[in-house]
Amino acid sequence: MTIDPVQMDKDLRRRGEGQRFDLFAWFTLAALTAFSLYMFLWEFQRESSDLYKHALIASEFVFTDPHSITSRLAYPLWHLIVAALYQLGLPLGWAAALVCAASKAAAFALVRRYTVVMLKGRVAPALATLCALLLMLVTPIRIPGLNDWVYRGVGSPTVWHNPTQLIVLVTALLAVPYLVHCWYLFEDALPTRGARAVLPWRNVLTLAVLLMVSLSAKPTFIQALIPAAAAFFLIQWIRHPKNGRYFGQIILAFLPAVGYFVLQYLYYTGVVVPYTSGVAFGITLSGAWESVRNMLLMAAFPLCALLLARQKGAPPDRMVTLALWMAAFAVLQAMCFRETGVRVNHGNFNWANMSVAFLLWVVAMPRFIEAVRLYRERSADLAAQARAGVVPSGELAARAARLRLRSAGFLAATLLLVWHAYSSVYYLYHLLSTGNVF
């Protein structure tokens, strides 16, 4: 059975399963959108916030003068939408807040659908809704004395102050599952077509467009995806050396994005436009530990959940594989690179860490739910076999010990989940009570 998220979604829709977006889901979506709109209007009132600064940039766009756009920003997607609403007569603050709230709403809908799809429609609708809501709010775990302000010095899978990060997460939820879909199409074609297995060109074009859209939102997600995809597909090419045409198609799909990414890099290092920043390379022990620590704090639960969800003999889950590759490269980049010049405090090389932490949450949540379901089934099965006396006592004791170990693991993961949830609520309290936008 496939674990291709795009194909599974198509199969569920074809069978008419898992499509219900019930009253509770609609109510949660409306509440999240209304609360997000309030938060972003509140943020806009503070001139020190990223939201206010980015909105000002959007207000200066002139659609008849492309230079007014390209000279100001290399990733204009959010700004173009805000500029269009602003020039249609909407107040700038409302235009900016509406686009941000819509990004939150779109991410909520996509995460909820992904959860339903990966659980093959067997998840309770309310549980899928609550999982998606949590992922719209989740932050790193708060450790008093280390990150009292939750976000500062660590980062977060979700943020409230940076509009481009909000919209890039939506594009990530489209691009990564589709890239995985392109791999599974190849795997499915191998038994019948062998060395001639290729992608339909519409899939290559769609992947290329999704990658470019993501870059136009913010380059910091793709900066982790490009090396991760390169490593993943290089390994697969070595395993399937006669299928060069397929891997050539993947390269072609990535080429426009790589070219655009290079232009964005040149923009921010002052080659394309003046008065930007530079990039310095260097690794220190403290910097390396900080990068690893930040990822662990942001993704403590999903990393634990993915470890628990591993099933012996199960087919490799390419979505998980790709997400873990991205996490490794994001941490490496945060270790090795830092900005200089006017952007020295912008922390752009940690944004990939944050984007990937969010992706880890998305892929881990349904797998954790499925792992709990399997644990319960095995516990019930073992109890039934013990009552029937059909299992030797030695084997029964060994299986019971393994189940107790897994139970302890699930308890630890649940405690981490509660800790993340508490930190998320505290972060909102911190923002609103202190007036600090970070």
Protein backbone atom coordinates (compact mmCIF):
# COMPACT_ATOMS: atom_id res chain seq x y z
CA MET A 1 0.00 0.00 0.00
CA THR A 2 1.36 3.42 -0.96
CA ILE A 3 2.31 6.09 1.55
CA ASP A 4 2.44 8.77 -1.14
CA PRO A 5 0.49 11.69 0.43
CA VAL A 6 -0.70 13.09 -2.91
CA GLN A 7 -1.86 9.70 -4.23
CA MET A 8 -3.49 8.84 -0.91
CA ASP A 9 -5.40 12.11 -1.05
CA LYS A 10 -6.61 11.29 -4.56
CA ASP A 11 -7.66 7.80 -3.47
CA LEU A 12 -9.61 9.11 -0.49
CA ARG A 13 -11.40 11.66 -2.63
CA ARG A 14 -12.20 9.05 -5.26
CA ARG A 15 -13.79 6.84 -2.63
CA GLY A 16 -15.53 9.77 -0.99
CA GLU A 17 -13.76 9.16 2.34
CA GLY A 18 -12.17 11.58 4.75
CA GLN A 19 -13.57 14.63 2.99
CA ARG A 20 -15.89 15.90 5.68
CA PHE A 21 -14.88 19.32 7.02
CA ASP A 22 -17.35 19.27 9.92
CA LEU A 23 -18.92 22.01 12.00
CA PHE A 24 -16.20 21.82 14.66
CA ALA A 25 -13.50 22.19 11.98
CA TRP A 26 -15.28 25.20 10.46
CA PHE A 27 -15.74 26.77 13.89
CA THR A 28 -12.04 26.20 14.74
CA LEU A 29 -10.96 27.64 11.40
CA ALA A 30 -13.15 30.73 11.94
CA ALA A 31 -11.87 31.20 15.50
CA LEU A 32 -8.23 30.77 14.42
CA THR A 33 -8.68 33.24 11.56
CA ALA A 34 -10.39 35.83 13.80
CA PHE A 35 -7.74 35.49 16.52
CA SER A 36 -4.94 35.65 13.94
CA LEU A 37 -6.45 38.79 12.43
CA TYR A 38 -6.55 40.37 15.88
CA MET A 39 -2.93 39.42 16.55
CA PHE A 40 -1.66 40.77 13.23
CA LEU A 41 -3.57 44.04 13.56
CA TRP A 42 -2.05 44.34 17.04
CA GLU A 43 1.43 43.65 15.62
CA PHE A 44 0.98 46.21 12.84
CA GLN A 45 0.46 48.97 15.41
CA ARG A 46 4.07 48.51 16.56
CA GLU A 47 6.48 50.17 14.17
CA SER A 48 9.35 47.98 15.36
CA SER A 49 7.60 44.80 14.16
CA ASP A 50 8.60 42.93 11.01
CA LEU A 51 4.97 43.00 9.91
CA TYR A 52 4.88 46.81 9.93
CA LYS A 53 8.21 47.08 8.09
CA HIS A 54 7.27 44.56 5.42
CA ALA A 55 3.89 46.23 4.93
CA LEU A 56 5.64 49.56 4.32
CA ILE A 57 7.76 47.91 1.64
CA ALA A 58 4.60 46.54 0.00
CA SER A 59 2.96 49.97 0.08
CA GLU A 60 5.77 51.34 -2.11
CA PHE A 61 5.28 48.77 -4.90
CA VAL A 62 4.23 50.23 -8.22
CA PHE A 63 2.91 47.54 -10.54
CA THR A 64 3.69 49.59 -13.65
CA ASP A 65 7.32 49.90 -12.51
CA PRO A 66 8.87 46.44 -11.89
CA HIS A 67 12.04 48.12 -10.62
CA SER A 68 10.09 49.42 -7.62
CA ILE A 69 9.64 45.77 -6.68
CA THR A 70 12.91 44.10 -7.67
CA SER A 71 15.06 46.84 -6.13
CA ARG A 72 13.41 46.41 -2.74
CA LEU A 73 12.91 42.70 -2.27
CA ALA A 74 13.97 39.36 -3.73
CA TYR A 75 11.02 37.37 -2.38
CA PRO A 76 7.92 39.46 -3.17
CA LEU A 77 4.95 37.04 -2.95
CA TRP A 78 3.45 38.29 0.34
CA HIS A 79 4.22 41.90 -0.56
CA LEU A 80 2.59 41.64 -3.99
CA ILE A 81 -0.65 40.35 -2.50
CA VAL A 82 -0.66 43.05 0.18
CA ALA A 83 0.20 45.73 -2.38
CA ALA A 84 -2.69 44.62 -4.60
CA LEU A 85 -5.18 44.80 -1.71
CA TYR A 86 -3.77 48.15 -0.60
CA GLN A 87 -4.04 49.65 -4.06
CA LEU A 88 -7.62 48.38 -4.28
CA GLY A 89 -8.42 50.65 -1.35
CA LEU A 90 -7.96 48.47 1.73
CA PRO A 91 -6.07 50.16 4.59
CA LEU A 92 -2.47 48.96 4.71
CA GLY A 93 -2.74 47.43 8.19
CA TRP A 94 -5.86 45.48 7.27
CA ALA A 95 -4.34 44.32 3.98
CA ALA A 96 -1.24 43.01 5.77
CA ALA A 97 -3.22 41.40 8.59
CA LEU A 98 -5.70 39.74 6.22
CA VAL A 99 -2.96 38.13 4.13
CA CYS A 100 -1.24 36.86 7.29
CA ALA A 101 -4.51 35.51 8.72
CA ALA A 102 -5.30 33.86 5.40
CA SER A 103 -1.87 32.20 5.47
CA LYS A 104 -2.62 30.79 8.93
CA ALA A 105 -6.02 29.56 7.74
CA ALA A 106 -4.54 27.92 4.62
CA ALA A 107 -1.82 26.20 6.67
CA PHE A 108 -4.47 24.94 9.12
CA ALA A 109 -6.56 23.45 6.31
CA LEU A 110 -3.53 21.80 4.68
CA VAL A 111 -2.21 20.33 7.93
CA ARG A 112 -5.63 18.98 8.85
CA ARG A 113 -6.02 17.40 5.42
CA TYR A 114 -2.53 15.90 5.57
CA THR A 115 -3.32 14.36 8.97
CA VAL A 116 -6.56 12.85 7.64
CA VAL A 117 -4.83 11.54 4.51
CA MET A 118 -1.87 9.95 6.27
CA LEU A 119 -4.25 8.19 8.67
CA LYS A 120 -6.29 6.97 5.67
CA GLY A 121 -9.42 8.74 6.90
CA ARG A 122 -9.53 6.66 10.09
CA VAL A 123 -8.85 9.56 12.45
CA ALA A 124 -11.69 11.20 14.38
CA PRO A 125 -12.45 14.54 12.66
CA ALA A 126 -12.21 16.43 15.97
CA LEU A 127 -8.75 14.97 16.67
CA ALA A 128 -7.48 15.98 13.22
CA THR A 129 -8.83 19.48 13.82
CA LEU A 130 -7.19 19.79 17.24
CA CYS A 131 -3.85 18.54 15.86
CA ALA A 132 -3.96 21.12 13.07
CA LEU A 133 -4.86 23.87 15.55
CA LEU A 134 -1.94 22.94 17.80
CA LEU A 135 0.44 23.09 14.86
CA MET A 136 -0.71 26.64 14.09
CA LEU A 137 0.33 27.73 17.60
CA VAL A 138 3.19 25.41 18.57
CA THR A 139 6.45 26.86 19.89
CA PRO A 140 9.69 25.44 21.29
CA ILE A 141 9.53 24.15 24.82
CA ARG A 142 10.14 26.90 27.36
CA ILE A 143 12.90 26.25 29.88
CA PRO A 144 13.06 28.94 32.58
CA GLY A 145 16.47 30.54 32.65
CA LEU A 146 17.24 29.45 29.09
CA ASN A 147 14.45 30.90 26.92
CA ASP A 148 12.11 32.74 29.26
CA TRP A 149 10.70 34.63 26.28
CA VAL A 150 10.20 31.33 24.41
CA TYR A 151 11.14 32.57 20.93
CA ARG A 152 14.19 34.73 21.65
CA GLY A 153 17.51 32.97 21.10
CA VAL A 154 15.87 29.77 19.87
CA GLY A 155 13.29 30.36 17.13
CA SER A 156 9.95 28.66 16.73
CA PRO A 157 8.10 26.34 14.32
CA THR A 158 5.45 29.06 14.13
CA VAL A 159 5.87 32.81 14.57
CA TRP A 160 3.51 35.77 14.74
CA HIS A 161 5.81 38.61 13.76
CA ASN A 162 7.25 37.62 10.38
CA PRO A 163 4.76 37.67 7.48
CA THR A 164 7.01 36.00 4.91
CA GLN A 165 7.56 33.04 7.23
CA LEU A 166 3.79 32.64 7.54
CA ILE A 167 3.26 32.36 3.79
CA VAL A 168 6.33 30.20 3.08
CA LEU A 169 5.00 27.49 5.40
CA VAL A 170 1.93 27.24 3.16
CA THR A 171 4.12 26.75 0.09
CA ALA A 172 6.20 24.16 1.98
CA LEU A 173 3.06 22.13 2.70
CA LEU A 174 2.47 21.99 -1.05
CA ALA A 175 6.00 21.55 -2.39
CA VAL A 176 7.40 18.82 -0.12
CA PRO A 177 4.49 16.32 -0.44
CA TYR A 178 4.54 16.87 -4.20
CA LEU A 179 8.28 16.20 -4.38
CA VAL A 180 7.72 12.98 -2.44
CA HIS A 181 4.86 12.16 -4.85
CA CYS A 182 7.30 12.50 -7.76
CA TRP A 183 9.53 9.91 -6.11
CA TYR A 184 6.71 7.44 -5.49
CA LEU A 185 5.58 7.79 -9.12
CA PHE A 186 9.07 6.64 -10.09
CA GLU A 187 9.03 3.75 -7.60
CA ASP A 188 5.64 2.58 -8.88
CA ALA A 189 6.86 2.67 -12.49
CA LEU A 190 10.06 0.69 -11.82
CA PRO A 191 8.55 -2.84 -11.85
CA THR A 192 7.03 -2.37 -15.31
CA ARG A 193 9.30 0.14 -17.03
CA GLY A 194 12.66 -0.51 -15.41
CA ALA A 195 15.41 1.75 -16.70
CA ARG A 196 12.86 3.71 -18.76
CA ALA A 197 10.82 4.87 -15.76
CA VAL A 198 10.22 8.59 -16.15
CA LEU A 199 7.85 11.28 -14.90
CA PRO A 200 5.06 12.76 -16.99
CA TRP A 201 6.25 16.24 -17.91
CA ARG A 202 3.23 17.84 -16.25
CA ASN A 203 4.60 16.58 -12.92
CA VAL A 204 8.03 18.04 -13.65
CA LEU A 205 6.47 21.40 -14.53
CA THR A 206 4.21 21.38 -11.45
CA LEU A 207 7.14 20.64 -9.16
CA ALA A 208 9.20 23.42 -10.75
CA VAL A 209 6.34 25.91 -10.28
CA LEU A 210 5.81 24.94 -6.63
CA LEU A 211 9.51 25.38 -5.87
CA MET A 212 9.58 28.80 -7.53
CA VAL A 213 6.45 29.91 -5.67
CA SER A 214 8.05 28.85 -2.39
CA LEU A 215 11.19 30.84 -3.20
CA SER A 216 9.11 33.88 -4.08
CA ALA A 217 7.60 33.64 -0.58
CA LYS A 218 10.94 33.28 1.26
CA PRO A 219 14.18 31.51 0.33
CA THR A 220 14.96 30.12 3.77
CA PHE A 221 12.84 26.99 3.39
CA ILE A 222 14.24 26.02 0.00
CA GLN A 223 17.78 26.58 1.28
CA ALA A 224 17.25 23.44 3.36
CA LEU A 225 15.25 21.56 0.71
CA ILE A 226 17.77 21.97 -2.13
CA PRO A 227 20.71 20.19 -0.41
CA ALA A 228 18.39 17.63 1.22
CA ALA A 229 16.79 16.75 -2.11
CA ALA A 230 20.21 16.65 -3.77
CA ALA A 231 21.49 14.16 -1.18
CA PHE A 232 18.33 12.06 -1.28
CA PHE A 233 18.13 11.80 -5.08
CA LEU A 234 21.87 11.28 -5.48
CA ILE A 235 21.65 8.23 -3.20
CA GLN A 236 18.68 6.96 -5.20
CA TRP A 237 20.52 7.56 -8.48
CA ILE A 238 23.40 5.45 -7.20
CA ARG A 239 20.87 2.73 -6.34
CA HIS A 240 19.21 3.03 -9.77
CA PRO A 241 22.07 4.00 -12.12
CA LYS A 242 20.19 3.07 -15.30
CA ASN A 243 17.40 5.58 -14.66
CA GLY A 244 19.32 8.72 -15.51
CA ARG A 245 16.43 10.19 -17.47
CA TYR A 246 14.19 10.35 -14.39
CA PHE A 247 16.89 11.97 -12.27
CA GLY A 248 17.58 14.39 -15.10
CA GLN A 249 13.91 15.40 -14.93
CA ILE A 250 14.25 16.09 -11.19
CA ILE A 251 17.32 18.22 -11.89
CA LEU A 252 15.40 20.15 -14.55
CA ALA A 253 12.57 20.77 -12.10
CA PHE A 254 15.03 22.20 -9.56
CA LEU A 255 17.13 24.25 -12.01
CA PRO A 256 14.88 27.35 -12.10
CA ALA A 257 14.66 27.34 -8.30
CA VAL A 258 18.44 26.99 -7.92
CA GLY A 259 18.97 29.87 -10.35
CA TYR A 260 16.47 32.06 -8.51
CA PHE A 261 18.02 31.11 -5.18
CA VAL A 262 21.46 32.17 -6.40
CA LEU A 263 20.02 35.54 -7.46
CA GLN A 264 18.46 35.96 -4.03
CA TYR A 265 21.82 35.16 -2.42
CA LEU A 266 23.54 37.75 -4.61
CA TYR A 267 20.87 40.27 -3.65
CA TYR A 268 21.49 39.82 0.06
CA THR A 269 25.26 39.85 -0.24
CA GLY A 270 25.26 43.21 -2.01
CA VAL A 271 26.14 42.01 -5.52
CA VAL A 272 22.77 42.80 -7.16
CA VAL A 273 21.82 45.82 -5.03
CA PRO A 274 23.98 47.93 -2.68
CA TYR A 275 23.69 48.38 1.08
CA THR A 276 22.69 44.86 1.98
CA SER A 277 24.77 42.36 3.92
CA GLY A 278 27.47 39.78 3.60
CA VAL A 279 27.83 36.18 4.73
CA ALA A 280 30.62 34.84 6.90
CA PHE A 281 31.55 31.17 7.27
CA GLY A 282 32.86 29.65 10.46
CA ILE A 283 32.07 26.99 13.05
CA THR A 284 32.51 27.36 16.79
CA LEU A 285 31.63 24.85 19.50
CA SER A 286 29.14 27.25 21.05
CA GLY A 287 27.54 28.00 17.69
CA ALA A 288 27.31 24.32 16.79
CA TRP A 289 25.70 23.43 20.11
CA GLU A 290 23.29 26.36 19.85
CA SER A 291 22.09 25.19 16.42
CA VAL A 292 21.51 21.63 17.63
CA ARG A 293 19.93 22.85 20.87
CA ASN A 294 17.52 25.12 19.02
CA MET A 295 16.29 22.29 16.81
CA LEU A 296 15.88 20.00 19.81
CA LEU A 297 13.85 22.63 21.67
CA MET A 298 11.65 23.34 18.64
CA ALA A 299 11.12 19.71 17.65
CA ALA A 300 11.44 17.76 20.90
CA PHE A 301 8.07 16.06 20.51
CA PRO A 302 8.20 15.28 16.77
CA LEU A 303 11.69 13.78 16.99
CA CYS A 304 10.61 11.59 19.90
CA ALA A 305 7.36 10.70 18.08
CA LEU A 306 9.17 9.71 14.88
CA LEU A 307 11.49 7.47 16.88
CA LEU A 308 8.51 5.75 18.49
CA ALA A 309 6.68 5.46 15.17
CA ARG A 310 9.42 3.37 13.54
CA GLN A 311 8.08 -0.05 12.60
CA LYS A 312 10.39 -2.95 11.88
CA GLY A 313 9.95 -4.18 8.32
CA ALA A 314 7.76 -1.25 7.27
CA PRO A 315 8.52 0.34 3.87
CA PRO A 316 10.66 3.48 4.10
CA ASP A 317 8.61 6.64 4.52
CA ARG A 318 10.17 9.09 2.08
CA MET A 319 8.37 12.09 3.59
CA VAL A 320 10.04 11.39 6.93
CA THR A 321 13.38 10.70 5.25
CA LEU A 322 13.30 14.00 3.37
CA ALA A 323 12.22 15.95 6.46
CA LEU A 324 15.11 14.49 8.49
CA TRP A 325 17.59 15.25 5.70
CA MET A 326 16.28 18.83 5.68
CA ALA A 327 16.65 19.07 9.46
CA ALA A 328 20.28 17.94 9.23
CA PHE A 329 21.14 20.49 6.53
CA ALA A 330 19.23 23.27 8.29
CA VAL A 331 21.19 22.67 11.49
CA LEU A 332 24.46 22.54 9.53
CA GLN A 333 23.70 25.85 7.82
CA ALA A 334 22.84 27.50 11.13
CA MET A 335 26.16 26.20 12.49
CA CYS A 336 28.31 27.36 9.60
CA PHE A 337 26.90 30.64 8.27
CA ARG A 338 26.09 34.01 9.73
CA GLU A 339 25.23 37.36 8.24
CA THR A 340 27.31 40.51 8.41
CA GLY A 341 26.58 44.13 7.63
CA VAL A 342 23.12 45.65 8.01
CA ARG A 343 21.51 42.22 8.49
CA VAL A 344 23.85 41.00 11.20
CA ASN A 345 20.98 40.52 13.68
CA HIS A 346 18.35 39.21 11.26
CA GLY A 347 19.13 35.53 11.90
CA ASN A 348 18.18 34.45 8.39
CA PHE A 349 20.32 31.31 8.62
CA ASN A 350 18.15 30.12 11.51
CA TRP A 351 14.89 30.52 9.58
CA ALA A 352 15.51 27.23 7.75
CA ASN A 353 15.75 25.57 11.17
CA MET A 354 12.35 27.01 12.06
CA SER A 355 10.69 26.03 8.78
CA VAL A 356 11.99 22.47 9.03
CA ALA A 357 10.93 22.21 12.68
CA PHE A 358 7.38 22.99 11.55
CA LEU A 359 7.62 20.35 8.82
CA LEU A 360 8.79 17.79 11.39
CA TRP A 361 5.67 18.53 13.43
CA VAL A 362 3.47 18.03 10.38
CA VAL A 363 4.95 14.65 9.42
CA ALA A 364 5.24 13.39 13.01
CA MET A 365 1.73 14.03 14.30
CA PRO A 366 -0.20 11.49 12.18
CA ARG A 367 2.56 8.91 12.58
CA PHE A 368 2.43 9.29 16.36
CA ILE A 369 -1.34 8.79 16.35
CA GLU A 370 -0.95 5.68 14.20
CA ALA A 371 1.82 4.35 16.47
CA VAL A 372 -0.45 4.73 19.51
CA ARG A 373 -3.23 2.89 17.67
CA LEU A 374 -0.88 0.01 16.82
CA TYR A 375 0.38 -0.12 20.42
CA ARG A 376 -3.17 -0.46 21.71
CA GLU A 377 -3.94 -3.20 19.20
CA ARG A 378 -0.84 -5.16 20.18
CA SER A 379 -1.56 -4.73 23.89
CA ALA A 380 -5.11 -6.00 23.42
CA ASP A 381 -3.87 -8.88 21.26
CA LEU A 382 -1.26 -9.87 23.83
CA ALA A 383 -3.83 -9.75 26.64
CA ALA A 384 -6.18 -11.98 24.63
CA GLN A 385 -3.40 -14.48 23.90
CA ALA A 386 -2.40 -14.50 27.60
CA ARG A 387 -5.97 -15.27 28.62
CA ALA A 388 -6.16 -18.06 26.04
CA GLY A 389 -2.82 -19.48 27.16
CA VAL A 390 -1.56 -19.88 23.57
CA VAL A 391 1.76 -18.06 24.09
CA PRO A 392 4.67 -19.59 26.05
CA SER A 393 5.34 -17.74 29.30
CA GLY A 394 8.87 -16.71 28.26
CA GLU A 395 7.69 -15.15 25.01
CA LEU A 396 4.75 -13.55 26.81
CA ALA A 397 7.05 -11.91 29.34
CA ALA A 398 9.41 -10.64 26.60
CA ARG A 399 6.57 -9.15 24.55
CA ALA A 400 5.04 -7.57 27.66
CA ALA A 401 8.41 -6.00 28.54
CA ARG A 402 8.71 -4.52 25.03
CA LEU A 403 5.22 -3.10 25.30
CA ARG A 404 6.00 -1.56 28.70
CA LEU A 405 9.09 0.06 27.20
CA ARG A 406 7.00 1.50 24.38
CA SER A 407 4.43 2.66 26.90
CA ALA A 408 7.15 4.59 28.73
CA GLY A 409 8.18 6.12 25.41
CA PHE A 410 4.63 7.22 24.66
CA LEU A 411 4.35 8.73 28.12
CA ALA A 412 7.58 10.71 27.55
CA ALA A 413 6.34 11.91 24.15
CA THR A 414 3.00 12.93 25.62
CA LEU A 415 4.71 14.92 28.36
CA LEU A 416 6.80 16.70 25.71
CA LEU A 417 3.63 17.43 23.75
CA VAL A 418 1.99 18.97 26.83
CA TRP A 419 5.16 20.99 27.50
CA HIS A 420 5.09 22.36 23.94
CA ALA A 421 1.38 23.20 24.31
CA TYR A 422 1.97 25.02 27.59
CA SER A 423 4.87 26.96 26.03
CA SER A 424 2.66 27.95 23.09
CA VAL A 425 0.00 29.42 25.39
CA TYR A 426 2.65 31.12 27.50
CA TYR A 427 4.20 32.68 24.39
CA LEU A 428 0.89 34.28 23.43
CA TYR A 429 0.48 35.52 27.01
CA HIS A 430 4.02 36.92 26.90
CA LEU A 431 3.38 38.79 23.64
CA LEU A 432 0.08 40.29 24.72
CA SER A 433 1.08 41.12 28.31
CA THR A 434 4.45 42.71 27.53
CA GLY A 435 3.69 44.30 24.17
CA ASN A 436 6.88 42.72 22.81
CA VAL A 437 6.45 41.63 19.18
CA PHE A 438 9.07 38.90 19.43
